[in-house]
Each structure stands twice: as C-alpha cells, then as structure tokens.
Amino acid sequence: MITLEQLQAGIVIPIDKPRQWTSFQAVNKIKAVVRNTYGQRAKDGATADKNAGLKKIKIGHAGTLDPLATGLLLVCLGKATKTIPTLQDGDKVYTGTMVLGATTPCYDLERPIDQYYPYEHITQQIAEETAKQFTGTIQQVPPMFSAVKIDGQRAYEYARLDDPTATIQPKPVSIYSFEITAFRPGTQNTQIIQNTPNIQNTPTKNLYQNPLGEVPPHLPQLDFRIHCGKGTYIRSLARDLGLALGSGAFLSALRRENIGHYSVTNALQLDQVESFLKG
C-alpha cells in the first residue's frame, strides 16, 4: 500500500478522464478516495498526527480537459503539486473528430449548431493540404468559451453575457504535426434548414461519438491526430481549419493521448484509484 508519507512526498496519478466529467470533478473524486482510504486507517488505529498529515496533502491537476473531452489527466498529490507547471509545459498529443460545414458558438458540442456553410467543395486531399498550413508556430485566438482571462475575468463569463466588447488577443502556439487519419465526405441534403440557430430543426440527425450533442449525418467529418505544444486549443484549431477551407468546422470528439512522457495507455480509470493506492 502507498503510505501516507509517500503521498506527502508526492506522487502523480495518470487518470483517463471520462466524458461529461470536469477536470475539477475528477480531482475531487480522487480527493474523496484519498480521504476515505487513509482516513479509515487513522480511525482504525493511526495517530492523530496521521489525520493531521492527511489534511495537509495537497492535490491538483496538470492541464485542464473540457467536460466533453476524454483522456489523460495528471493528478498530482503532495509535493508533486510543485511539478504541475513543468508537466503543463510538456508536449501533448490529441486525437478526435472535427465536423465540417457548420459552427457552434463554443467550437464544440457544448452548444448547438448556430450556422451552416457550404462543404461540397471539400475533399480529403484539400483537407489534408489545408491542415499543413497549421503546423509550426502559429498565432491562435483561444475560444471565448474558455478560462482565458480578459482584464482579470474569465472569458467564458463574457461569453455567457454575450458581451461584444470582450476580445481575446492571439498568442503563439506550436503545432508539430496535424495528421488527418480518416475522412468521411458529406452528402448533399437540400432539406437542411440553413442558418438555423437550433440543430433540432434539422430533419436528419443522429448521435455521433457524443451523447450530449447531435451531429447531422450529411456533414463531412474528419478524424485527426495532433502533436502540439502547451496552450494549444484544439477547438480553436477546428474553427481555423473550417475558415481556411472556406466553410465552418467544430469539434465533436476529443481525447488526450499523451502529456510529455505520460500516456493514457498507462492511465487509471477513476474506479481503479482506490485499488492503486491500496496496492
């Protein structure tokens, strides 16, 4: 069993964050497991000092994942929380799916489609050539629906108020590779209502990789693998790719595969943390 002293000295627990969980909720879940596991030991005979030590254990995570994203979340305990800035600076690898021919206000499925665009001209070759434009060091504007601060206030707070005066300045990010791993062309559907603010108005729809949002099946979709540096917003990359294609695009699925040398293949499910701590 991992001892309380080892927790205090610091450990990093790689977690495979499930969909619909916020990073904060995942950390709180692990915090509760730690308290239940080591608090029970104290109750069964450990000293009061042990309880005091348990309360002093810090816990945090390196690199927030959006609620609709899944994959690697590094949860740091004890003195390992001091390594969070270094871990956040590590390269990331993401896989996922982008939908072409439409946009949403937040660039993913947290909000419904707000606009449709032409997409019939987009082929796999065009998409692959366009994706190459977004490698190297590029200027990227983070989404308004994000935790980026504007004058000390979170951008999403301005976005929820629909404040047109709030703007986010572009920042440089590094994209080492942007690979399209699959392309599913769309089909023309003249019945689709253009520029409708609510996806429910479309006569054809189906669930696609995301139980919280619906993607019209006539729209093209591409799967990707992106290797990037710190601070990159894949949602913004989807938006920018759509613009470069003369269309629109948004993110329908996102999974973080790697942070630095950590891989999601070695990550724990949340219900495995207790067994991991108990050895």
C-alpha atoms as a PDB file:
ATOM      1  CA  MET A   1       0.000   0.000   0.000  1.00  0.00           C
ATOM      2  CA  ILE A   2       1.158   3.520  -0.769  1.00  0.00           C
ATOM      3  CA  THR A   3       1.804   5.101   2.596  1.00  0.00           C
ATOM      4  CA  LEU A   4       0.673   8.496   3.798  1.00  0.00           C
ATOM      5  CA  GLU A   5       4.314   9.525   3.898  1.00  0.00           C
ATOM      6  CA  GLN A   6       4.687   8.602   0.234  1.00  0.00           C
ATOM      7  CA  LEU A   7       1.638  10.670  -0.656  1.00  0.00           C
ATOM      8  CA  GLN A   8       3.088  13.630   1.195  1.00  0.00           C
ATOM      9  CA  ALA A   9       6.431  13.156  -0.584  1.00  0.00           C
ATOM     10  CA  GLY A  10       4.496  13.349  -3.835  1.00  0.00           C
ATOM     11  CA  ILE A  11       3.040  11.068  -6.497  1.00  0.00           C
ATOM     12  CA  VAL A  12       1.470  11.652  -9.910  1.00  0.00           C
ATOM     13  CA  ILE A  13      -1.598   9.579 -10.781  1.00  0.00           C
ATOM     14  CA  PRO A  14      -2.426   9.471 -14.519  1.00  0.00           C
ATOM     15  CA  ILE A  15      -6.206   9.314 -14.965  1.00  0.00           C
ATOM     16  CA  ASP A  16      -8.299   8.514 -18.039  1.00  0.00           C
ATOM     17  CA  LYS A  17     -10.934  11.225 -17.536  1.00  0.00           C
ATOM     18  CA  PRO A  18     -14.393  10.112 -18.647  1.00  0.00           C
ATOM     19  CA  ARG A  19     -16.697  12.159 -20.842  1.00  0.00           C
ATOM     20  CA  GLN A  20     -19.050  14.594 -19.088  1.00  0.00           C
ATOM     21  CA  TRP A  21     -16.726  14.945 -16.094  1.00  0.00           C
ATOM     22  CA  THR A  22     -14.948  18.225 -15.491  1.00  0.00           C
ATOM     23  CA  SER A  23     -11.280  18.068 -14.504  1.00  0.00           C
ATOM     24  CA  PHE A  24     -12.286  19.609 -11.160  1.00  0.00           C
ATOM     25  CA  GLN A  25     -14.806  16.818 -10.544  1.00  0.00           C
ATOM     26  CA  ALA A  26     -12.184  14.168 -11.330  1.00  0.00           C
ATOM     27  CA  VAL A  27      -9.743  15.724  -8.853  1.00  0.00           C
ATOM     28  CA  ASN A  28     -12.461  15.926  -6.201  1.00  0.00           C
ATOM     29  CA  LYS A  29     -13.272  12.256  -6.770  1.00  0.00           C
ATOM     30  CA  ILE A  30      -9.652  11.286  -6.109  1.00  0.00           C
ATOM     31  CA  LYS A  31      -9.537  13.604  -3.096  1.00  0.00           C
ATOM     32  CA  ALA A  32     -12.540  11.761  -1.657  1.00  0.00           C
ATOM     33  CA  VAL A  33     -10.920   8.377  -2.312  1.00  0.00           C
ATOM     34  CA  VAL A  34      -7.735   9.502  -0.550  1.00  0.00           C
ATOM     35  CA  ARG A  35      -9.661  10.757   2.476  1.00  0.00           C
ATOM     36  CA  ASN A  36     -11.767   7.605   2.702  1.00  0.00           C
ATOM     37  CA  THR A  37      -8.764   5.290   2.276  1.00  0.00           C
ATOM     38  CA  TYR A  38      -6.358   6.972   4.685  1.00  0.00           C
ATOM     39  CA  GLY A  39      -8.992   8.400   6.995  1.00  0.00           C
ATOM     40  CA  GLN A  40     -10.211   4.857   7.662  1.00  0.00           C
ATOM     41  CA  ARG A  41      -6.665   3.818   8.582  1.00  0.00           C
ATOM     42  CA  ALA A  42      -6.470   6.641  11.098  1.00  0.00           C
ATOM     43  CA  LYS A  43      -9.791   5.614  12.534  1.00  0.00           C
ATOM     44  CA  ASP A  44      -8.573   2.041  12.877  1.00  0.00           C
ATOM     45  CA  GLY A  45      -5.533   2.937  14.968  1.00  0.00           C
ATOM     46  CA  ALA A  46      -3.322   5.540  13.334  1.00  0.00           C
ATOM     47  CA  THR A  47      -2.363   8.535  15.422  1.00  0.00           C
ATOM     48  CA  ALA A  48      -3.911  11.977  15.406  1.00  0.00           C
ATOM     49  CA  ASP A  49      -0.767  13.141  13.621  1.00  0.00           C
ATOM     50  CA  LYS A  50      -1.705  10.899  10.741  1.00  0.00           C
ATOM     51  CA  ASN A  51      -5.060  12.661  10.460  1.00  0.00           C
ATOM     52  CA  ALA A  52      -3.301  15.993  10.521  1.00  0.00           C
ATOM     53  CA  GLY A  53      -0.962  14.798   7.787  1.00  0.00           C
ATOM     54  CA  LEU A  54      -3.906  13.694   5.660  1.00  0.00           C
ATOM     55  CA  LYS A  55      -5.452  17.166   5.829  1.00  0.00           C
ATOM     56  CA  LYS A  56      -2.195  18.740   4.691  1.00  0.00           C
ATOM     57  CA  ILE A  57      -1.880  16.691   1.497  1.00  0.00           C
ATOM     58  CA  LYS A  58      -2.217  18.990  -1.481  1.00  0.00           C
ATOM     59  CA  ILE A  59      -3.874  17.809  -4.676  1.00  0.00           C
ATOM     60  CA  GLY A  60      -4.136  19.371  -8.116  1.00  0.00           C
ATOM     61  CA  HIS A  61      -4.043  18.562 -11.822  1.00  0.00           C
ATOM     62  CA  ALA A  62      -1.808  19.476 -14.744  1.00  0.00           C
ATOM     63  CA  GLY A  63      -3.723  20.632 -17.793  1.00  0.00           C
ATOM     64  CA  THR A  64      -7.496  21.045 -17.799  1.00  0.00           C
ATOM     65  CA  LEU A  65      -9.646  18.928 -20.109  1.00  0.00           C
ATOM     66  CA  ASP A  66     -13.024  20.206 -21.290  1.00  0.00           C
ATOM     67  CA  PRO A  67     -16.029  18.245 -19.950  1.00  0.00           C
ATOM     68  CA  LEU A  68     -16.742  16.676 -23.356  1.00  0.00           C
ATOM     69  CA  ALA A  69     -13.130  15.587 -23.801  1.00  0.00           C
ATOM     70  CA  THR A  70     -11.721  12.306 -22.528  1.00  0.00           C
ATOM     71  CA  GLY A  71      -8.242  11.038 -21.892  1.00  0.00           C
ATOM     72  CA  LEU A  72      -5.115  11.749 -19.929  1.00  0.00           C
ATOM     73  CA  LEU A  73      -5.392  13.933 -16.832  1.00  0.00           C
ATOM     74  CA  LEU A  74      -2.388  14.072 -14.499  1.00  0.00           C
ATOM     75  CA  VAL A  75      -3.455  14.356 -10.869  1.00  0.00           C
ATOM     76  CA  CYS A  76      -0.643  15.400  -8.527  1.00  0.00           C
ATOM     77  CA  LEU A  77      -0.595  14.759  -4.775  1.00  0.00           C
ATOM     78  CA  GLY A  78       1.666  16.088  -2.042  1.00  0.00           C
ATOM     79  CA  LYS A  79       4.925  17.690  -3.130  1.00  0.00           C
ATOM     80  CA  ALA A  80       4.266  16.536  -6.698  1.00  0.00           C
ATOM     81  CA  THR A  81       1.932  19.552  -6.989  1.00  0.00           C
ATOM     82  CA  LYS A  82       5.116  21.624  -7.291  1.00  0.00           C
ATOM     83  CA  THR A  83       5.775  19.909 -10.631  1.00  0.00           C
ATOM     84  CA  ILE A  84       2.439  20.978 -12.151  1.00  0.00           C
ATOM     85  CA  PRO A  85       3.910  23.945 -14.112  1.00  0.00           C
ATOM     86  CA  THR A  86       6.594  21.678 -15.590  1.00  0.00           C
ATOM     87  CA  LEU A  87       4.068  18.977 -16.501  1.00  0.00           C
ATOM     88  CA  GLN A  88       1.800  21.552 -18.137  1.00  0.00           C
ATOM     89  CA  ASP A  89       4.712  22.679 -20.302  1.00  0.00           C
ATOM     90  CA  GLY A  90       5.046  19.199 -21.816  1.00  0.00           C
ATOM     91  CA  ASP A  91       4.029  18.389 -25.384  1.00  0.00           C
ATOM     92  CA  LYS A  92       0.517  16.996 -25.875  1.00  0.00           C
ATOM     93  CA  VAL A  93      -0.968  14.510 -28.328  1.00  0.00           C
ATOM     94  CA  TYR A  94      -4.685  14.658 -29.111  1.00  0.00           C
ATOM     95  CA  THR A  95      -6.958  12.562 -31.291  1.00  0.00           C
ATOM     96  CA  GLY A  96     -10.558  13.261 -32.150  1.00  0.00           C
ATOM     97  CA  THR A  97     -13.115  14.271 -34.756  1.00  0.00           C
ATOM     98  CA  MET A  98     -13.988  17.549 -36.456  1.00  0.00           C
ATOM     99  CA  VAL A  99     -17.274  18.181 -38.262  1.00  0.00           C
ATOM    100  CA  LEU A 100     -17.129  20.376 -41.359  1.00  0.00           C
ATOM    101  CA  GLY A 101     -19.813  22.607 -42.843  1.00  0.00           C
ATOM    102  CA  ALA A 102     -21.161  24.083 -39.613  1.00  0.00           C
ATOM    103  CA  THR A 103     -20.118  26.003 -36.497  1.00  0.00           C
ATOM    104  CA  THR A 104     -21.120  26.279 -32.857  1.00  0.00           C
ATOM    105  CA  PRO A 105     -20.509  29.287 -30.555  1.00  0.00           C
ATOM    106  CA  CYS A 106     -18.041  27.352 -28.382  1.00  0.00           C
ATOM    107  CA  TYR A 107     -16.428  25.362 -31.236  1.00  0.00           C
ATOM    108  CA  ASP A 108     -17.609  22.019 -29.831  1.00  0.00           C
ATOM    109  CA  LEU A 109     -20.871  20.286 -28.893  1.00  0.00           C
ATOM    110  CA  GLU A 110     -21.434  22.133 -25.609  1.00  0.00           C
ATOM    111  CA  ARG A 111     -23.728  24.432 -27.617  1.00  0.00           C
ATOM    112  CA  PRO A 112     -25.948  23.657 -30.648  1.00  0.00           C
ATOM    113  CA  ILE A 113     -25.035  24.489 -34.232  1.00  0.00           C
ATOM    114  CA  ASP A 114     -25.591  28.173 -34.993  1.00  0.00           C
ATOM    115  CA  GLN A 115     -24.585  28.353 -38.659  1.00  0.00           C
ATOM    116  CA  TYR A 116     -24.265  26.099 -41.721  1.00  0.00           C
ATOM    117  CA  TYR A 117     -21.774  26.604 -44.567  1.00  0.00           C
ATOM    118  CA  PRO A 118     -21.013  25.112 -47.998  1.00  0.00           C
ATOM    119  CA  TYR A 119     -18.882  21.982 -47.794  1.00  0.00           C
ATOM    120  CA  GLU A 120     -19.367  20.213 -51.135  1.00  0.00           C
ATOM    121  CA  HIS A 121     -16.023  21.527 -52.404  1.00  0.00           C
ATOM    122  CA  ILE A 122     -14.043  19.865 -49.583  1.00  0.00           C
ATOM    123  CA  THR A 123     -12.216  16.630 -50.398  1.00  0.00           C
ATOM    124  CA  GLN A 124      -9.812  14.599 -48.306  1.00  0.00           C
ATOM    125  CA  GLN A 125      -6.876  15.924 -50.335  1.00  0.00           C
ATOM    126  CA  ILE A 126      -7.968  19.540 -49.833  1.00  0.00           C
ATOM    127  CA  ALA A 127      -8.457  18.935 -46.113  1.00  0.00           C
ATOM    128  CA  GLU A 128      -5.013  17.334 -45.776  1.00  0.00           C
ATOM    129  CA  GLU A 129      -3.276  20.127 -47.697  1.00  0.00           C
ATOM    130  CA  THR A 130      -5.074  22.783 -45.653  1.00  0.00           C
ATOM    131  CA  ALA A 131      -4.159  21.099 -42.374  1.00  0.00           C
ATOM    132  CA  LYS A 132      -0.477  21.510 -43.280  1.00  0.00           C
ATOM    133  CA  GLN A 133      -0.938  25.291 -43.027  1.00  0.00           C
ATOM    134  CA  PHE A 134      -1.399  24.873 -39.278  1.00  0.00           C
ATOM    135  CA  THR A 135       1.948  23.293 -38.457  1.00  0.00           C
ATOM    136  CA  GLY A 136       4.884  25.147 -36.968  1.00  0.00           C
ATOM    137  CA  THR A 137       4.475  28.197 -34.751  1.00  0.00           C
ATOM    138  CA  ILE A 138       1.109  29.803 -35.464  1.00  0.00           C
ATOM    139  CA  GLN A 139      -0.930  32.621 -33.948  1.00  0.00           C
ATOM    140  CA  GLN A 140      -4.085  31.292 -32.289  1.00  0.00           C
ATOM    141  CA  VAL A 141      -7.041  33.041 -30.666  1.00  0.00           C
ATOM    142  CA  PRO A 142      -8.414  30.963 -27.750  1.00  0.00           C
ATOM    143  CA  PRO A 143     -12.190  30.369 -27.634  1.00  0.00           C
ATOM    144  CA  MET A 144     -14.378  32.871 -25.808  1.00  0.00           C
ATOM    145  CA  PHE A 145     -15.856  29.861 -24.011  1.00  0.00           C
ATOM    146  CA  SER A 146     -12.600  29.204 -22.135  1.00  0.00           C
ATOM    147  CA  ALA A 147     -10.848  30.020 -18.863  1.00  0.00           C
ATOM    148  CA  VAL A 148      -8.533  32.551 -20.507  1.00  0.00           C
ATOM    149  CA  LYS A 149      -8.640  35.835 -18.572  1.00  0.00           C
ATOM    150  CA  ILE A 150      -9.702  39.184 -20.024  1.00  0.00           C
ATOM    151  CA  ASP A 151      -8.944  42.071 -17.668  1.00  0.00           C
ATOM    152  CA  GLY A 152      -8.882  39.651 -14.748  1.00  0.00           C
ATOM    153  CA  GLN A 153     -12.179  37.973 -15.632  1.00  0.00           C
ATOM    154  CA  ARG A 154     -12.659  34.557 -17.260  1.00  0.00           C
ATOM    155  CA  ALA A 155     -13.528  34.749 -20.950  1.00  0.00           C
ATOM    156  CA  TYR A 156     -16.462  32.357 -20.569  1.00  0.00           C
ATOM    157  CA  GLU A 157     -18.129  34.857 -18.234  1.00  0.00           C
ATOM    158  CA  TYR A 158     -18.113  37.442 -21.021  1.00  0.00           C
ATOM    159  CA  ALA A 159     -19.290  34.795 -23.494  1.00  0.00           C
ATOM    160  CA  ARG A 160     -22.274  33.870 -21.336  1.00  0.00           C
ATOM    161  CA  LEU A 161     -23.234  37.550 -21.192  1.00  0.00           C
ATOM    162  CA  ASP A 162     -22.807  37.767 -24.979  1.00  0.00           C
ATOM    163  CA  ASP A 163     -20.593  40.815 -24.461  1.00  0.00           C
ATOM    164  CA  PRO A 164     -19.462  42.008 -27.935  1.00  0.00           C
ATOM    165  CA  THR A 165     -16.777  44.302 -26.481  1.00  0.00           C
ATOM    166  CA  ALA A 166     -14.726  41.446 -24.988  1.00  0.00           C
ATOM    167  CA  THR A 167     -11.893  40.200 -27.180  1.00  0.00           C
ATOM    168  CA  ILE A 168      -9.023  37.760 -26.692  1.00  0.00           C
ATOM    169  CA  GLN A 169      -5.620  38.541 -28.120  1.00  0.00           C
ATOM    170  CA  PRO A 170      -3.922  35.918 -30.307  1.00  0.00           C
ATOM    171  CA  LYS A 171      -0.958  34.041 -28.889  1.00  0.00           C
ATOM    172  CA  PRO A 172       1.750  31.873 -30.454  1.00  0.00           C
ATOM    173  CA  VAL A 173       1.356  28.098 -30.145  1.00  0.00           C
ATOM    174  CA  SER A 174       3.392  25.231 -31.582  1.00  0.00           C
ATOM    175  CA  ILE A 175       1.819  22.540 -33.759  1.00  0.00           C
ATOM    176  CA  TYR A 176       4.375  19.827 -34.506  1.00  0.00           C
ATOM    177  CA  SER A 177       2.059  17.692 -36.633  1.00  0.00           C
ATOM    178  CA  PHE A 178      -1.575  17.766 -37.770  1.00  0.00           C
ATOM    179  CA  GLU A 179      -2.481  14.439 -39.350  1.00  0.00           C
ATOM    180  CA  ILE A 180      -5.892  13.580 -40.796  1.00  0.00           C
ATOM    181  CA  THR A 181      -6.343   9.891 -40.045  1.00  0.00           C
ATOM    182  CA  ALA A 182      -9.786   9.421 -41.645  1.00  0.00           C
ATOM    183  CA  PHE A 183     -12.168  11.437 -43.825  1.00  0.00           C
ATOM    184  CA  ARG A 184     -15.895  10.825 -44.270  1.00  0.00           C
ATOM    185  CA  PRO A 185     -17.355  13.036 -47.019  1.00  0.00           C
ATOM    186  CA  GLY A 186     -20.758  14.549 -46.518  1.00  0.00           C
ATOM    187  CA  THR A 187     -23.841  14.066 -48.647  1.00  0.00           C
ATOM    188  CA  GLN A 188     -25.969  16.850 -50.081  1.00  0.00           C
ATOM    189  CA  ASN A 189     -29.252  17.377 -48.277  1.00  0.00           C
ATOM    190  CA  THR A 190     -31.351  20.183 -49.659  1.00  0.00           C
ATOM    191  CA  GLN A 191     -33.844  19.818 -46.821  1.00  0.00           C
ATOM    192  CA  ILE A 192     -31.370  21.136 -44.240  1.00  0.00           C
ATOM    193  CA  ILE A 193     -32.535  24.497 -42.949  1.00  0.00           C
ATOM    194  CA  GLN A 194     -29.680  26.961 -43.465  1.00  0.00           C
ATOM    195  CA  ASN A 195     -28.548  29.295 -40.675  1.00  0.00           C
ATOM    196  CA  THR A 196     -30.923  27.790 -38.131  1.00  0.00           C
ATOM    197  CA  PRO A 197     -29.921  28.502 -34.515  1.00  0.00           C
ATOM    198  CA  ASN A 198     -31.165  25.132 -33.276  1.00  0.00           C
ATOM    199  CA  ILE A 199     -29.958  21.801 -34.558  1.00  0.00           C
ATOM    200  CA  GLN A 200     -33.272  20.246 -33.542  1.00  0.00           C
ATOM    201  CA  ASN A 201     -34.822  21.946 -36.592  1.00  0.00           C
ATOM    202  CA  THR A 202     -32.855  19.725 -38.958  1.00  0.00           C
ATOM    203  CA  PRO A 203     -34.902  16.797 -40.272  1.00  0.00           C
ATOM    204  CA  THR A 204     -31.995  14.333 -40.264  1.00  0.00           C
ATOM    205  CA  LYS A 205     -29.759  13.868 -37.269  1.00  0.00           C
ATOM    206  CA  ASN A 206     -28.040  11.132 -35.320  1.00  0.00           C
ATOM    207  CA  LEU A 207     -25.826  10.730 -32.313  1.00  0.00           C
ATOM    208  CA  TYR A 208     -22.165  10.702 -33.270  1.00  0.00           C
ATOM    209  CA  GLN A 209     -19.469   9.852 -30.717  1.00  0.00           C
ATOM    210  CA  ASN A 210     -21.009  12.176 -28.171  1.00  0.00           C
ATOM    211  CA  PRO A 211     -24.145  11.526 -26.109  1.00  0.00           C
ATOM    212  CA  LEU A 212     -24.584  15.243 -25.327  1.00  0.00           C
ATOM    213  CA  GLY A 213     -24.741  16.554 -28.895  1.00  0.00           C
ATOM    214  CA  GLU A 214     -26.236  15.647 -32.214  1.00  0.00           C
ATOM    215  CA  VAL A 215     -24.354  15.869 -35.495  1.00  0.00           C
ATOM    216  CA  PRO A 216     -26.362  15.977 -38.756  1.00  0.00           C
ATOM    217  CA  PRO A 217     -25.210  12.913 -40.732  1.00  0.00           C
ATOM    218  CA  HIS A 218     -24.989  14.829 -44.015  1.00  0.00           C
ATOM    219  CA  LEU A 219     -21.969  16.843 -42.799  1.00  0.00           C
ATOM    220  CA  PRO A 220     -18.382  15.727 -43.596  1.00  0.00           C
ATOM    221  CA  GLN A 221     -16.264  14.548 -40.690  1.00  0.00           C
ATOM    222  CA  LEU A 222     -12.550  14.018 -40.310  1.00  0.00           C
ATOM    223  CA  ASP A 223     -10.543  12.221 -37.639  1.00  0.00           C
ATOM    224  CA  PHE A 224      -7.188  13.682 -36.610  1.00  0.00           C
ATOM    225  CA  ARG A 225      -4.048  13.223 -34.593  1.00  0.00           C
ATOM    226  CA  ILE A 226      -2.344  16.414 -33.400  1.00  0.00           C
ATOM    227  CA  HIS A 227       1.015  16.743 -31.646  1.00  0.00           C
ATOM    228  CA  CYS A 228       1.288  20.224 -30.143  1.00  0.00           C
ATOM    229  CA  GLY A 229       2.926  22.384 -27.517  1.00  0.00           C
ATOM    230  CA  LYS A 230       1.451  23.921 -24.378  1.00  0.00           C
ATOM    231  CA  GLY A 231      -1.508  26.271 -24.515  1.00  0.00           C
ATOM    232  CA  THR A 232      -2.965  24.933 -27.769  1.00  0.00           C
ATOM    233  CA  TYR A 233      -6.752  24.899 -28.065  1.00  0.00           C
ATOM    234  CA  ILE A 234      -7.884  22.125 -30.407  1.00  0.00           C
ATOM    235  CA  ARG A 235     -11.338  23.756 -30.550  1.00  0.00           C
ATOM    236  CA  SER A 236      -9.729  26.892 -31.980  1.00  0.00           C
ATOM    237  CA  LEU A 237      -7.786  24.770 -34.443  1.00  0.00           C
ATOM    238  CA  ALA A 238     -11.091  23.286 -35.658  1.00  0.00           C
ATOM    239  CA  ARG A 239     -12.543  26.785 -36.096  1.00  0.00           C
ATOM    240  CA  ASP A 240      -9.480  27.973 -38.007  1.00  0.00           C
ATOM    241  CA  LEU A 241      -9.390  24.889 -40.234  1.00  0.00           C
ATOM    242  CA  GLY A 242     -13.035  25.478 -41.155  1.00  0.00           C
ATOM    243  CA  LEU A 243     -12.290  29.090 -42.100  1.00  0.00           C
ATOM    244  CA  ALA A 244      -9.261  28.058 -44.169  1.00  0.00           C
ATOM    245  CA  LEU A 245     -11.424  25.525 -46.016  1.00  0.00           C
ATOM    246  CA  GLY A 246     -13.944  28.234 -46.917  1.00  0.00           C
ATOM    247  CA  SER A 247     -16.517  26.561 -44.710  1.00  0.00           C
ATOM    248  CA  GLY A 248     -17.057  26.048 -40.986  1.00  0.00           C
ATOM    249  CA  ALA A 249     -15.927  23.394 -38.531  1.00  0.00           C
ATOM    250  CA  PHE A 250     -16.316  22.360 -34.918  1.00  0.00           C
ATOM    251  CA  LEU A 251     -15.022  19.661 -32.607  1.00  0.00           C
ATOM    252  CA  SER A 252     -17.282  16.665 -31.962  1.00  0.00           C
ATOM    253  CA  ALA A 253     -14.842  14.403 -30.103  1.00  0.00           C
ATOM    254  CA  LEU A 254     -11.502  14.958 -28.354  1.00  0.00           C
ATOM    255  CA  ARG A 255      -9.160  12.625 -26.496  1.00  0.00           C
ATOM    256  CA  ARG A 256      -5.800  13.484 -24.953  1.00  0.00           C
ATOM    257  CA  GLU A 257      -3.370  10.631 -25.539  1.00  0.00           C
ATOM    258  CA  ASN A 258      -0.104  11.993 -24.136  1.00  0.00           C
ATOM    259  CA  ILE A 259       1.393  14.667 -21.884  1.00  0.00           C
ATOM    260  CA  GLY A 260       5.171  14.636 -22.060  1.00  0.00           C
ATOM    261  CA  HIS A 261       6.272  11.054 -21.375  1.00  0.00           C
ATOM    262  CA  TYR A 262       2.922  10.111 -19.772  1.00  0.00           C
ATOM    263  CA  SER A 263       0.496   8.082 -21.904  1.00  0.00           C
ATOM    264  CA  VAL A 264      -3.210   7.386 -21.499  1.00  0.00           C
ATOM    265  CA  THR A 265      -2.457   3.706 -22.152  1.00  0.00           C
ATOM    266  CA  ASN A 266      -0.999   3.584 -18.632  1.00  0.00           C
ATOM    267  CA  ALA A 267      -3.728   5.702 -17.023  1.00  0.00           C
ATOM    268  CA  LEU A 268      -6.214   4.555 -14.390  1.00  0.00           C
ATOM    269  CA  GLN A 269      -9.969   4.674 -14.548  1.00  0.00           C
ATOM    270  CA  LEU A 270     -11.445   6.653 -11.664  1.00  0.00           C
ATOM    271  CA  ASP A 271     -12.832   3.483 -10.061  1.00  0.00           C
ATOM    272  CA  GLN A 272      -9.330   1.963 -10.037  1.00  0.00           C
ATOM    273  CA  VAL A 273      -7.693   4.656  -7.884  1.00  0.00           C
ATOM    274  CA  GLU A 274      -8.599   3.064  -4.551  1.00  0.00           C
ATOM    275  CA  SER A 275      -7.099  -0.279  -5.575  1.00  0.00           C
ATOM    276  CA  PHE A 276      -3.992   1.534  -6.846  1.00  0.00           C
ATOM    277  CA  LEU A 277      -3.482   3.296  -3.502  1.00  0.00           C
ATOM    278  CA  LYS A 278      -4.014   0.085  -1.553  1.00  0.00           C
ATOM    279  CA  GLY A 279      -1.537  -1.757  -3.776  1.00  0.00           C
END
